[in-house]
Amino acid sequence: MPFPELLARQVRHLRMIALVGATGCPTSEKAICENGTPPEGFELVQGYVTVPVGTACPEAATLSTLNTIDCCPVYNFEGPICSFDYVTANQEEVVSDFGGTFFQNATAETENPVDVCFYEALFENTGVCCGRPLLQEGIAQVAESRRSPKGRARCVVSGRYWAQVALLEHASIASFARCSLELMKWGAPLHLLHATQKAGMDEVGHAQITRVLAERLLGERLDFGELKLGNSVDLSASRADFAEAVLREGAIGESLAALDAAARLQNCTDRETRGVLEQILKDEAEHAELAWAILKWLVEEDRALLPRLAQVMAEEQAKGRRGEGSPVPPGFGLLDSTTQQTVFEEGWERVLLPAFAEL
């Protein structure tokens, strides 16, 4: 069965089944600090902000987000911030090879030393390591964001989720731009270039609608800052490397993203959030279909790619994709980890594996 039919059949299945979960938006986050028992998939860990050397650390109540050292696993700030822990003075911030951050004692050569203020707060443990839609020299890239007060918050938990989605959708614009360059490098037909350019414009729309939704739920204005790309963008060294990237990031990633959106729609009751999910579902399904079409073209050009792609499929299936473990106000589009894990596992069995067999 061709990929579009496999995906459409599974989307229909997800939108028909009843997904279990609480409704509304959690309101009593402070109880987590008091009893020290975070919900499943979350941890009370140390986050930090940096300040100029000699500057007092901010009061916890004035902070809207925290960073975490390292990024394996990736921790997403959820809040609340429970307490200030300590400050480490005169540090140099260092970015690791895979995108994580750590600190070391500043030296006379350090250009911008900082003090690091640490706080205990609630973070989501995503169960995965660094990985974003756009990699540059092996380092994940996502734009800086700026948030400022705008109005009354509707649902902070869901708002933080959609703010992160907006940043990832924003980075995906650059990812599709790079894919266009890759396709031209390897001599792709014009219809694939046209579809890839359209997909990039879809991501512009996704960044906009998810940003607006996040602003509404957070009661804050969200602006995209710089996306640090350096002076050049890495392209695949070989056709096989390009095929592997398309399989991992596009064929697998976009397919699961479409199924994820379909599952989120099932119990979503907020009209604006439903509209966002409907658009994302439609477009991600098209992007997944495009990725499989690119793979088909690459394999037709060189059947010797298939063993490597089969190995990638085996690796990705064995690694799995863990459910995100978000708190569960499905009315605003969030899923519990158990449901999302089921969505991913069924996606592999009913969509990804049969689609790869068609290659």
Protein backbone atom coordinates (compact mmCIF):
# COMPACT_ATOMS: atom_id res chain seq x y z
CA MET A 1 0.00 0.00 0.00
CA PRO A 2 1.46 3.44 -0.91
CA PHE A 3 2.57 5.71 1.93
CA PRO A 4 -0.24 8.32 1.61
CA GLU A 5 -2.87 5.59 2.04
CA LEU A 6 -1.02 4.04 4.99
CA LEU A 7 -0.79 7.39 6.76
CA ALA A 8 -4.37 8.42 6.00
CA ARG A 9 -5.71 5.10 7.31
CA GLN A 10 -3.80 5.46 10.59
CA VAL A 11 -4.88 9.10 11.00
CA ARG A 12 -8.51 8.04 10.61
CA HIS A 13 -7.94 5.36 13.23
CA LEU A 14 -6.45 7.83 15.72
CA ARG A 15 -9.25 10.32 15.25
CA MET A 16 -11.90 7.69 15.87
CA ILE A 17 -10.55 6.10 19.06
CA ALA A 18 -11.24 7.63 22.47
CA LEU A 19 -8.15 8.96 24.19
CA VAL A 20 -8.30 9.03 27.98
CA GLY A 21 -7.20 12.07 29.97
CA ALA A 22 -8.26 14.89 32.24
CA THR A 23 -9.65 18.08 30.77
CA GLY A 24 -8.93 21.69 31.52
CA CYS A 25 -5.68 23.21 32.74
CA PRO A 26 -3.82 22.28 35.96
CA THR A 27 -3.99 25.15 38.42
CA SER A 28 -2.06 24.13 41.56
CA GLU A 29 1.59 23.86 40.53
CA LYS A 30 2.93 25.08 43.90
CA ALA A 31 1.81 21.85 45.56
CA ILE A 32 4.60 20.11 43.65
CA CYS A 33 7.22 22.15 45.54
CA GLU A 34 5.54 21.53 48.87
CA ASN A 35 5.24 17.75 48.65
CA GLY A 36 8.25 17.11 46.40
CA THR A 37 6.40 14.57 44.25
CA PRO A 38 6.33 15.67 40.59
CA PRO A 39 3.99 13.91 38.15
CA GLU A 40 5.22 11.05 35.98
CA GLY A 41 7.71 12.20 33.37
CA PHE A 42 8.79 15.26 35.38
CA GLU A 43 11.61 15.94 37.81
CA LEU A 44 12.61 18.59 40.31
CA VAL A 45 16.11 19.48 39.09
CA GLN A 46 18.45 22.45 39.05
CA GLY A 47 18.03 25.10 36.43
CA TYR A 48 20.03 28.27 36.05
CA VAL A 49 20.23 31.82 34.74
CA THR A 50 23.42 33.81 34.23
CA VAL A 51 24.04 37.35 35.38
CA PRO A 52 27.04 39.69 35.04
CA VAL A 53 29.77 39.01 37.58
CA GLY A 54 28.93 40.62 40.91
CA THR A 55 25.21 41.05 40.13
CA ALA A 56 22.60 39.78 42.58
CA CYS A 57 20.66 36.70 41.49
CA PRO A 58 17.04 37.41 40.45
CA GLU A 59 14.20 36.52 42.79
CA ALA A 60 12.60 33.23 41.70
CA ALA A 61 9.20 34.90 41.34
CA THR A 62 10.56 37.26 38.68
CA LEU A 63 11.80 34.47 36.36
CA SER A 64 9.69 33.00 33.58
CA THR A 65 12.10 30.26 32.48
CA LEU A 66 15.35 28.48 33.40
CA ASN A 67 18.08 26.74 31.42
CA THR A 68 19.68 23.41 32.30
CA ILE A 69 23.29 22.29 32.06
CA ASP A 70 23.97 19.67 29.40
CA CYS A 71 21.17 18.28 27.25
CA CYS A 72 21.13 14.54 27.66
CA PRO A 73 18.41 14.12 28.58
CA VAL A 74 16.76 17.27 27.34
CA TYR A 75 14.85 18.98 30.15
CA ASN A 76 12.01 21.33 29.24
CA PHE A 77 11.21 23.95 31.85
CA GLU A 78 7.64 23.67 33.11
CA GLY A 79 7.63 25.50 36.46
CA PRO A 80 7.11 26.32 39.17
CA ILE A 81 10.50 27.49 40.43
CA CYS A 82 10.57 26.15 43.97
CA SER A 83 13.64 27.78 45.50
CA PHE A 84 16.95 29.55 44.97
CA ASP A 85 19.84 27.15 45.69
CA TYR A 86 23.22 28.85 45.25
CA VAL A 87 25.41 30.96 42.96
CA THR A 88 28.70 30.00 41.31
CA ALA A 89 30.80 33.08 40.63
CA ASN A 90 33.11 34.05 37.75
CA GLN A 91 32.34 31.28 35.26
CA GLU A 92 32.89 30.76 31.55
CA GLU A 93 30.00 29.30 29.57
CA VAL A 94 31.03 26.50 27.20
CA VAL A 95 28.94 24.74 24.54
CA SER A 96 29.66 21.02 24.14
CA ASP A 97 30.03 19.25 20.81
CA PHE A 98 26.41 18.11 20.84
CA GLY A 99 24.78 21.36 21.87
CA GLY A 100 24.74 21.12 25.66
CA THR A 101 26.03 23.85 27.97
CA PHE A 102 28.40 23.60 30.91
CA PHE A 103 30.48 26.04 32.97
CA GLN A 104 34.12 26.22 34.00
CA ASN A 105 36.14 28.71 36.00
CA ALA A 106 36.81 31.86 34.02
CA THR A 107 40.37 32.77 33.12
CA ALA A 108 42.06 36.02 32.16
CA GLU A 109 41.22 35.19 28.52
CA THR A 110 37.48 34.74 29.13
CA GLU A 111 35.66 37.47 27.23
CA ASN A 112 32.35 37.51 29.08
CA PRO A 113 32.55 35.86 32.51
CA VAL A 114 29.27 35.39 34.37
CA ASP A 115 27.85 34.38 37.71
CA VAL A 116 25.54 31.34 37.49
CA CYS A 117 22.42 31.37 39.69
CA PHE A 118 20.93 27.93 40.37
CA TYR A 119 17.31 27.21 41.34
CA GLU A 120 15.29 24.06 41.97
CA ALA A 121 12.36 23.84 39.60
CA LEU A 122 10.04 21.46 37.80
CA PHE A 123 11.27 20.23 34.43
CA GLU A 124 9.91 17.72 31.94
CA ASN A 125 12.34 14.85 31.31
CA THR A 126 11.82 14.22 27.60
CA GLY A 127 13.90 11.04 27.67
CA VAL A 128 15.85 12.09 24.59
CA CYS A 129 19.12 13.86 23.98
CA CYS A 130 19.71 17.03 22.01
CA GLY A 131 18.08 17.01 18.62
CA ARG A 132 16.34 19.85 16.79
CA PRO A 133 15.07 20.36 13.26
CA LEU A 134 18.27 22.14 12.22
CA LEU A 135 21.83 20.96 12.89
CA GLN A 136 24.85 23.12 12.10
CA GLU A 137 28.29 21.55 12.48
CA GLY A 138 26.64 18.89 14.63
CA ILE A 139 25.11 21.44 16.99
CA ALA A 140 21.35 21.81 17.22
CA GLN A 141 20.13 25.28 16.31
CA VAL A 142 16.98 27.00 17.48
CA ALA A 143 16.35 30.72 17.61
CA GLU A 144 16.54 32.76 20.76
CA SER A 145 13.15 33.87 22.05
CA ARG A 146 12.03 36.96 23.91
CA ARG A 147 8.90 37.01 26.07
CA SER A 148 7.17 40.04 27.54
CA PRO A 149 3.82 40.59 29.33
CA LYS A 150 0.81 40.87 27.06
CA GLY A 151 -2.39 39.96 28.91
CA ARG A 152 -4.11 37.38 31.10
CA ALA A 153 -2.74 33.84 30.99
CA ARG A 154 -5.19 31.13 29.93
CA CYS A 155 -3.18 27.95 30.51
CA VAL A 156 0.52 28.33 31.30
CA VAL A 157 1.33 24.60 31.09
CA SER A 158 0.01 24.31 27.54
CA GLY A 159 1.35 27.75 26.63
CA ARG A 160 4.91 26.67 27.41
CA TYR A 161 4.47 23.61 25.24
CA TRP A 162 3.22 25.66 22.28
CA ALA A 163 5.99 28.24 22.75
CA GLN A 164 8.54 25.46 22.34
CA VAL A 165 6.66 24.15 19.30
CA ALA A 166 6.78 27.64 17.77
CA LEU A 167 10.58 27.76 18.14
CA LEU A 168 10.96 24.34 16.52
CA GLU A 169 8.62 25.25 13.66
CA HIS A 170 10.65 28.43 13.17
CA ALA A 171 13.88 26.38 12.93
CA SER A 172 12.20 24.07 10.43
CA ILE A 173 12.03 26.96 7.94
CA ALA A 174 15.82 26.88 7.75
CA SER A 175 15.81 23.08 7.66
CA PHE A 176 13.69 23.03 4.49
CA ALA A 177 15.83 25.77 2.97
CA ARG A 178 18.86 23.54 3.49
CA CYS A 179 16.96 20.57 2.05
CA SER A 180 16.37 22.59 -1.13
CA LEU A 181 20.12 23.16 -1.45
CA GLU A 182 20.74 19.44 -0.86
CA LEU A 183 18.27 18.49 -3.58
CA MET A 184 19.93 20.85 -6.04
CA LYS A 185 23.37 19.50 -5.09
CA TRP A 186 22.30 15.97 -5.97
CA GLY A 187 20.35 16.86 -9.12
CA ALA A 188 16.77 16.38 -7.95
CA PRO A 189 13.85 16.90 -10.36
CA LEU A 190 12.02 20.23 -10.25
CA HIS A 191 8.80 18.84 -8.78
CA LEU A 192 10.66 17.82 -5.62
CA LEU A 193 12.27 21.26 -5.40
CA HIS A 194 8.87 22.91 -5.80
CA ALA A 195 7.31 20.78 -3.07
CA THR A 196 10.25 21.44 -0.72
CA GLN A 197 10.00 25.20 -1.23
CA LYS A 198 6.26 25.01 -0.46
CA ALA A 199 6.97 22.98 2.68
CA GLY A 200 9.30 25.73 3.87
CA MET A 201 6.52 28.27 3.47
CA ASP A 202 4.20 25.93 5.40
CA GLU A 203 6.66 26.11 8.28
CA VAL A 204 6.52 29.90 8.22
CA GLY A 205 2.79 29.56 8.73
CA HIS A 206 3.26 26.99 11.50
CA ALA A 207 5.67 29.27 13.35
CA GLN A 208 3.14 32.08 13.15
CA ILE A 209 0.03 30.18 14.28
CA THR A 210 1.81 28.34 17.10
CA ARG A 211 3.36 31.59 18.31
CA VAL A 212 -0.05 33.28 18.38
CA LEU A 213 -1.50 30.30 20.27
CA ALA A 214 1.37 30.32 22.79
CA GLU A 215 0.91 34.06 23.35
CA ARG A 216 -2.78 33.60 24.03
CA LEU A 217 -2.24 30.79 26.51
CA LEU A 218 0.73 32.40 28.28
CA GLY A 219 -0.56 35.95 28.33
CA GLU A 220 2.84 37.00 27.00
CA ARG A 221 4.29 38.27 23.76
CA LEU A 222 6.73 35.84 22.11
CA ASP A 223 9.29 37.13 19.61
CA PHE A 224 11.83 35.12 17.63
CA GLY A 225 15.44 36.24 17.96
CA GLU A 226 18.57 35.30 16.07
CA LEU A 227 19.15 31.81 14.70
CA LYS A 228 22.93 31.46 14.92
CA LEU A 229 24.11 29.75 11.75
CA GLY A 230 27.65 31.04 11.36
CA ASN A 231 28.98 31.80 7.90
CA SER A 232 27.98 28.58 6.14
CA VAL A 233 25.46 25.75 6.27
CA ASP A 234 26.64 22.13 6.27
CA LEU A 235 25.46 19.99 3.35
CA SER A 236 25.66 16.22 3.12
CA ALA A 237 29.02 14.90 2.01
CA SER A 238 27.47 12.07 -0.02
CA ARG A 239 24.16 11.01 -1.55
CA ALA A 240 23.98 8.25 1.08
CA ASP A 241 24.36 10.78 3.90
CA PHE A 242 21.57 12.86 2.40
CA ALA A 243 19.31 9.81 2.07
CA GLU A 244 19.92 8.91 5.72
CA ALA A 245 19.06 12.45 6.86
CA VAL A 246 15.85 12.44 4.80
CA LEU A 247 14.84 9.10 6.32
CA ARG A 248 15.55 10.08 9.93
CA GLU A 249 14.33 13.67 9.94
CA GLY A 250 11.68 13.58 7.22
CA ALA A 251 10.22 10.17 6.48
CA ILE A 252 10.25 9.00 10.11
CA GLY A 253 10.04 12.32 11.93
CA GLU A 254 7.34 13.97 9.84
CA SER A 255 5.23 10.81 9.71
CA LEU A 256 5.21 10.51 13.49
CA ALA A 257 4.56 14.26 13.80
CA ALA A 258 1.43 13.91 11.67
CA LEU A 259 0.16 11.00 13.77
CA ASP A 260 0.98 12.94 16.94
CA ALA A 261 -1.14 15.87 15.74
CA ALA A 262 -4.02 13.51 14.92
CA ALA A 263 -3.92 12.07 18.43
CA ARG A 264 -3.83 15.53 20.02
CA LEU A 265 -6.93 16.52 18.09
CA GLN A 266 -9.03 13.74 19.57
CA ASN A 267 -9.73 15.34 22.96
CA CYS A 268 -8.81 18.94 22.11
CA THR A 269 -11.80 21.18 22.90
CA ASP A 270 -10.28 24.65 22.53
CA ARG A 271 -11.36 25.97 19.12
CA GLU A 272 -8.15 27.90 18.33
CA THR A 273 -5.93 24.98 19.36
CA ARG A 274 -7.98 22.63 17.20
CA GLY A 275 -7.48 24.95 14.23
CA VAL A 276 -3.71 24.93 14.77
CA LEU A 277 -3.61 21.14 15.05
CA GLU A 278 -5.78 20.68 11.96
CA GLN A 279 -3.37 22.80 9.91
CA ILE A 280 -0.29 21.07 11.32
CA LEU A 281 -1.81 17.64 10.66
CA LYS A 282 -2.59 18.51 7.04
CA ASP A 283 0.82 20.00 6.33
CA GLU A 284 2.91 17.45 8.23
CA ALA A 285 1.17 14.66 6.33
CA GLU A 286 2.18 16.37 3.08
CA HIS A 287 5.74 16.88 4.33
CA ALA A 288 6.00 13.21 5.27
CA GLU A 289 4.74 12.23 1.83
CA LEU A 290 7.38 14.52 0.31
CA ALA A 291 10.14 12.88 2.36
CA TRP A 292 9.12 9.42 1.17
CA ALA A 293 8.98 10.73 -2.42
CA ILE A 294 12.54 12.07 -2.09
CA LEU A 295 13.66 8.71 -0.72
CA LYS A 296 11.98 6.92 -3.62
CA TRP A 297 13.83 9.14 -6.11
CA LEU A 298 17.15 8.57 -4.33
CA VAL A 299 16.69 4.80 -4.26
CA GLU A 300 15.66 4.72 -7.91
CA GLU A 301 18.87 6.59 -8.70
CA ASP A 302 20.99 4.21 -6.60
CA ARG A 303 19.59 0.92 -5.28
CA ALA A 304 22.81 0.43 -3.31
CA LEU A 305 21.42 2.90 -0.76
CA LEU A 306 18.84 0.40 0.49
CA PRO A 307 21.05 -1.62 2.89
CA ARG A 308 22.17 1.53 4.68
CA LEU A 309 18.61 2.82 4.89
CA ALA A 310 17.43 -0.52 6.23
CA GLN A 311 20.07 -0.27 8.95
CA VAL A 312 18.85 3.23 9.84
CA MET A 313 15.28 1.95 10.08
CA ALA A 314 16.40 -0.82 12.43
CA GLU A 315 18.36 1.64 14.57
CA GLU A 316 15.49 4.11 14.83
CA GLN A 317 12.93 1.44 15.62
CA ALA A 318 15.16 -0.10 18.30
CA LYS A 319 15.84 3.31 19.80
CA GLY A 320 12.17 4.15 19.75
CA ARG A 321 10.67 7.53 20.41
CA ARG A 322 9.62 7.99 23.99
CA GLY A 323 6.36 9.73 24.80
CA GLU A 324 6.98 13.26 26.03
CA GLY A 325 5.28 12.84 29.39
CA SER A 326 3.52 16.21 29.38
CA PRO A 327 0.88 17.07 31.96
CA VAL A 328 -2.53 16.37 30.55
CA PRO A 329 -4.84 19.25 29.68
CA PRO A 330 -5.93 17.70 26.33
CA GLY A 331 -8.41 20.55 25.83
CA PHE A 332 -5.38 22.63 24.77
CA GLY A 333 -3.66 19.89 22.77
CA LEU A 334 -1.41 18.07 25.24
CA LEU A 335 -1.04 14.30 25.49
CA ASP A 336 -0.08 11.96 28.32
CA SER A 337 3.10 9.94 27.76
CA THR A 338 1.34 6.56 27.64
CA THR A 339 -0.98 7.63 24.83
CA GLN A 340 1.78 9.24 22.84
CA GLN A 341 4.00 6.18 23.22
CA THR A 342 1.17 4.03 21.82
CA VAL A 343 0.77 6.44 18.89
CA PHE A 344 4.46 6.12 18.04
CA GLU A 345 4.56 2.34 18.37
CA GLU A 346 1.47 1.89 16.19
CA GLY A 347 2.93 4.35 13.71
CA TRP A 348 5.96 2.15 13.28
CA GLU A 349 3.97 -1.04 12.80
CA ARG A 350 1.16 0.32 10.63
CA VAL A 351 2.87 3.09 8.64
CA LEU A 352 6.68 3.30 8.73
CA LEU A 353 7.61 -0.35 8.27
CA PRO A 354 5.08 -1.00 5.47
CA ALA A 355 6.10 2.27 3.76
CA PHE A 356 9.77 1.30 3.81
CA ALA A 357 8.90 -2.12 2.39
CA GLU A 358 7.36 -0.28 -0.58
CA LEU A 359 10.77 1.21 -1.42
